[in-house]
Amino acid sequence: MHAKSLFDKLMYPGKVMSVEESVRRNIQMLLNSGRILDGDLSKQSEEDIPAIVDQIAHSEGAMQSYEVKLAALILRHEPRLDMVEVETIEITNQGEARCELRLTIGALETSCHFVF
């Protein structure tokens, strides 16, 4: 199945792209937006999630809550997904965040690794 998002059609005209590849690209762009890793307090609303670096100093419960909010954020911005589960998330010593997401797109279920 080939279904590109409008952004993919504009950025990659003529390129054949699977739904899975398109969804992965969109999630990576969302994670790279900067709002997830370091936050942007001047633009936060009730729907926004706090920056992940703000969660490191808190309890394990805060990170679990963060994972739920991250999954909800991804689902809100990528409607082709049926389910998102955050399997792991961590911050490296270099200041990068890494996460493993389990994605369900129709009958396809896959695990994807993201660095942001």
Protein backbone atom coordinates (compact mmCIF):
# COMPACT_ATOMS: atom_id res chain seq x y z
CA MET A 1 0.00 0.00 0.00
CA HIS A 2 1.33 3.42 -0.95
CA ALA A 3 -0.05 6.49 0.77
CA LYS A 4 1.99 9.62 1.30
CA SER A 5 0.97 12.50 3.48
CA LEU A 6 0.54 15.92 1.87
CA PHE A 7 3.94 16.92 3.28
CA ASP A 8 5.54 13.83 1.71
CA LYS A 9 3.93 14.64 -1.65
CA LEU A 10 5.38 18.16 -1.52
CA MET A 11 8.84 17.14 -0.28
CA TYR A 12 9.25 13.90 -2.26
CA PRO A 13 7.30 14.31 -5.52
CA GLY A 14 7.27 11.16 -7.63
CA LYS A 15 8.85 9.02 -4.91
CA VAL A 16 6.94 5.84 -4.11
CA MET A 17 6.65 5.56 -0.34
CA SER A 18 4.93 3.01 1.85
CA VAL A 19 2.50 4.08 4.55
CA GLU A 20 4.96 2.78 7.16
CA GLU A 21 7.82 4.88 5.75
CA SER A 22 5.61 7.97 5.53
CA VAL A 23 4.40 7.54 9.12
CA ARG A 24 7.96 7.05 10.37
CA ARG A 25 9.11 10.23 8.62
CA ASN A 26 6.23 12.20 10.11
CA ILE A 27 6.91 10.93 13.63
CA GLN A 28 10.62 11.75 13.27
CA MET A 29 9.75 15.30 12.17
CA LEU A 30 7.39 15.66 15.13
CA LEU A 31 10.09 14.48 17.54
CA ASN A 32 12.69 16.73 15.89
CA SER A 33 10.48 19.79 16.24
CA GLY A 34 12.33 20.65 19.47
CA ARG A 35 9.16 20.88 21.52
CA ILE A 36 9.59 17.33 22.79
CA LEU A 37 13.22 17.39 23.89
CA ASP A 38 13.74 20.84 25.34
CA GLY A 39 10.26 22.32 25.30
CA ASP A 40 9.12 25.75 24.29
CA LEU A 41 7.47 27.31 27.29
CA SER A 42 6.38 30.39 25.38
CA LYS A 43 4.11 28.26 23.20
CA GLN A 44 2.87 25.59 25.59
CA SER A 45 -0.84 25.08 25.93
CA GLU A 46 -2.89 22.64 27.96
CA GLU A 47 -2.46 20.00 25.23
CA ASP A 48 1.33 20.24 25.10
CA ILE A 49 3.56 17.90 27.01
CA PRO A 50 6.48 19.15 29.10
CA ALA A 51 10.02 18.80 27.80
CA ILE A 52 11.52 15.37 28.40
CA VAL A 53 14.56 16.88 30.13
CA ASP A 54 12.15 18.26 32.75
CA GLN A 55 10.98 14.72 33.48
CA ILE A 56 14.39 13.22 34.20
CA ALA A 57 14.58 14.83 37.63
CA HIS A 58 11.19 13.43 38.59
CA SER A 59 10.04 9.98 39.62
CA GLU A 60 9.45 6.88 37.51
CA GLY A 61 5.76 7.77 37.66
CA ALA A 62 6.49 11.08 35.95
CA MET A 63 8.25 9.28 33.10
CA GLN A 64 5.33 6.84 32.72
CA SER A 65 2.95 9.79 32.54
CA TYR A 66 5.27 11.38 29.97
CA GLU A 67 5.20 8.22 27.83
CA VAL A 68 1.38 8.28 27.80
CA LYS A 69 1.36 11.96 26.79
CA LEU A 70 3.96 11.35 24.08
CA ALA A 71 1.89 8.51 22.59
CA ALA A 72 -1.23 10.71 22.65
CA LEU A 73 0.66 13.56 20.96
CA ILE A 74 1.86 11.25 18.18
CA LEU A 75 -1.64 9.82 17.68
CA ARG A 76 -3.09 13.33 17.48
CA HIS A 77 -0.65 14.36 14.74
CA GLU A 78 -0.50 11.09 12.79
CA PRO A 79 -4.09 9.95 12.15
CA ARG A 80 -3.04 6.94 10.06
CA LEU A 81 -1.88 5.21 13.26
CA ASP A 82 -4.26 2.96 15.16
CA MET A 83 -2.03 2.64 18.21
CA VAL A 84 1.28 3.92 19.62
CA GLU A 85 3.04 2.39 22.59
CA VAL A 86 6.25 3.85 24.00
CA GLU A 87 8.38 0.81 24.77
CA THR A 88 11.48 2.68 25.98
CA ILE A 89 12.66 6.25 26.28
CA GLU A 90 15.97 7.56 27.56
CA ILE A 91 18.28 10.56 27.49
CA THR A 92 21.91 9.96 26.51
CA ASN A 93 24.94 11.70 28.03
CA GLN A 94 25.19 13.65 24.77
CA GLY A 95 21.77 15.19 25.39
CA GLU A 96 19.89 13.15 22.79
CA ALA A 97 16.64 11.40 23.50
CA ARG A 98 16.07 7.90 22.18
CA CYS A 99 12.84 6.00 22.11
CA GLU A 100 11.45 2.76 20.82
CA LEU A 101 7.84 2.93 19.69
CA ARG A 102 5.49 0.09 18.82
CA LEU A 103 3.24 1.32 16.03
CA THR A 104 0.04 -0.21 14.68
CA ILE A 105 -1.04 0.88 11.20
CA GLY A 106 -4.03 -1.20 10.17
CA ALA A 107 -2.91 -4.85 10.22
CA LEU A 108 0.78 -3.88 10.36
CA GLU A 109 2.48 -3.83 13.76
CA THR A 110 6.09 -2.69 13.90
CA SER A 111 8.72 -1.42 16.33
CA CYS A 112 10.63 1.74 15.37
CA HIS A 113 13.66 3.39 16.93
CA PHE A 114 13.88 7.20 16.96
CA VAL A 115 16.65 9.57 18.02
CA PHE A 116 15.84 13.24 18.63
